Amino acid sequence: MDMVQERLSSRPTPIPSTPAPKEPANSTNLLNPSPVPVPLPTPSKLTCFLQYAEANLGVESAQTLEPALQRLGVGPDILSEMDDTLLCEAGISPGDIIRLKRGSIVWWNGPEAR
């Protein structure tokens, strides 16, 4: 074995490593890729949504549902994902459940939720 081969064979073999993922220069929220900020779910959002539901969705006395929805921890941001049975048990009629669920998506993604 000549000197070059001997030196090469005596070097430790480097251990391959997985490169760390790089953060994109312009990272965005995967759930909301648009540059519009996502509103934060706050207690006042539920109040505002229920006022909207009463005035625009045909849900009579929607504001009286607030305590029941608060007990369930439901706001307009997740209302559309709630189980209908839970909402019915909270005293909301099936028709109003549909109106509230459909309306919550539109309201939450609209300018009034900002």
Protein backbone atom coordinates (compact mmCIF):
# COMPACT_ATOMS: atom_id res chain seq x y z
CA MET A 1 0.00 0.00 0.00
CA ASP A 2 1.47 3.36 -0.88
CA MET A 3 1.36 6.40 1.44
CA VAL A 4 -1.65 8.07 -0.21
CA GLN A 5 -3.77 4.95 0.01
CA GLU A 6 -2.68 4.39 3.59
CA ARG A 7 -3.63 7.94 4.59
CA LEU A 8 -7.02 7.69 2.88
CA SER A 9 -7.82 4.36 4.52
CA SER A 10 -6.91 5.64 7.97
CA ARG A 11 -9.29 8.59 7.79
CA PRO A 12 -12.57 8.06 9.59
CA THR A 13 -15.55 7.76 7.30
CA PRO A 14 -17.80 10.78 7.77
CA ILE A 15 -21.24 10.00 9.11
CA PRO A 16 -23.92 11.38 6.81
CA SER A 17 -26.35 13.71 8.48
CA THR A 18 -29.79 14.88 7.50
CA PRO A 19 -29.80 18.60 6.87
CA ALA A 20 -32.08 20.61 9.11
CA PRO A 21 -35.14 21.94 7.29
CA LYS A 22 -34.79 25.57 6.43
CA GLU A 23 -37.53 28.01 7.37
CA PRO A 24 -38.94 29.56 4.18
CA ALA A 25 -38.08 33.22 3.77
CA ASN A 26 -41.77 34.12 3.59
CA SER A 27 -43.40 31.55 5.84
CA THR A 28 -47.18 31.64 6.16
CA ASN A 29 -49.73 29.84 8.26
CA LEU A 30 -50.59 26.59 6.44
CA LEU A 31 -54.23 26.85 7.50
CA ASN A 32 -54.46 30.39 6.17
CA PRO A 33 -52.03 30.86 3.29
CA SER A 34 -53.39 34.31 2.48
CA PRO A 35 -51.66 37.37 3.87
CA VAL A 36 -54.86 38.32 5.74
CA PRO A 37 -54.36 37.70 9.48
CA VAL A 38 -56.53 35.08 11.15
CA PRO A 39 -58.82 36.57 13.81
CA LEU A 40 -58.30 35.32 17.33
CA PRO A 41 -61.26 33.56 18.93
CA THR A 42 -62.29 35.77 21.83
CA PRO A 43 -65.48 35.84 23.91
CA SER A 44 -66.59 39.03 22.18
CA LYS A 45 -66.43 37.25 18.81
CA LEU A 46 -69.22 34.93 19.95
CA THR A 47 -71.35 37.89 21.05
CA CYS A 48 -70.79 39.68 17.74
CA PHE A 49 -71.52 36.53 15.74
CA LEU A 50 -74.78 35.86 17.60
CA GLN A 51 -75.89 39.44 16.98
CA TYR A 52 -75.09 38.89 13.30
CA ALA A 53 -76.99 35.57 13.33
CA GLU A 54 -80.05 37.21 14.78
CA ALA A 55 -79.99 40.12 12.33
CA ASN A 56 -78.88 38.31 9.17
CA LEU A 57 -79.37 34.55 9.44
CA GLY A 58 -82.91 34.36 10.73
CA VAL A 59 -81.94 32.79 14.06
CA GLU A 60 -84.51 34.24 16.44
CA SER A 61 -83.14 35.06 19.90
CA ALA A 62 -79.66 33.90 18.88
CA GLN A 63 -78.12 35.97 21.64
CA THR A 64 -79.87 33.83 24.26
CA LEU A 65 -77.75 30.88 23.06
CA GLU A 66 -74.53 32.49 24.23
CA PRO A 67 -74.36 30.88 27.72
CA ALA A 68 -74.97 27.40 26.27
CA LEU A 69 -72.31 27.87 23.58
CA GLN A 70 -69.86 29.23 26.13
CA ARG A 71 -70.40 26.17 28.34
CA LEU A 72 -69.52 24.00 25.35
CA GLY A 73 -66.50 26.16 24.57
CA VAL A 74 -67.87 26.92 21.14
CA GLY A 75 -67.20 30.06 19.17
CA PRO A 76 -67.83 31.01 15.56
CA ASP A 77 -64.37 29.72 14.65
CA ILE A 78 -65.27 26.07 15.39
CA LEU A 79 -69.07 26.04 15.40
CA SER A 80 -69.27 24.38 11.98
CA GLU A 81 -67.24 21.43 13.31
CA MET A 82 -69.41 20.77 16.36
CA ASP A 83 -71.55 17.67 16.59
CA ASP A 84 -75.22 18.46 15.97
CA THR A 85 -76.29 16.28 18.91
CA LEU A 86 -74.29 18.41 21.36
CA LEU A 87 -75.77 21.58 19.93
CA CYS A 88 -79.28 20.11 20.10
CA GLU A 89 -78.71 19.14 23.74
CA ALA A 90 -77.66 22.75 24.35
CA GLY A 91 -81.15 23.83 23.27
CA ILE A 92 -80.56 24.84 19.65
CA SER A 93 -83.16 23.71 17.12
CA PRO A 94 -81.97 21.62 14.15
CA GLY A 95 -82.83 24.39 11.69
CA ASP A 96 -80.93 26.98 13.69
CA ILE A 97 -77.95 24.62 13.94
CA ILE A 98 -77.76 24.53 10.14
CA ARG A 99 -78.15 28.32 9.88
CA LEU A 100 -75.53 28.95 12.56
CA LYS A 101 -73.03 26.50 11.11
CA ARG A 102 -73.31 27.86 7.58
CA GLY A 103 -73.31 31.45 8.79
CA SER A 104 -70.34 30.97 11.11
CA ILE A 105 -68.06 30.00 8.22
CA VAL A 106 -69.06 33.06 6.19
CA TRP A 107 -68.88 35.39 9.19
CA TRP A 108 -65.55 34.05 10.49
CA ASN A 109 -63.90 34.46 7.08
CA GLY A 110 -65.47 37.85 6.44
CA PRO A 111 -64.52 41.37 7.48
CA GLU A 112 -66.82 41.44 10.53
CA ALA A 113 -64.69 38.89 12.39
CA ARG A 114 -61.52 40.97 12.06
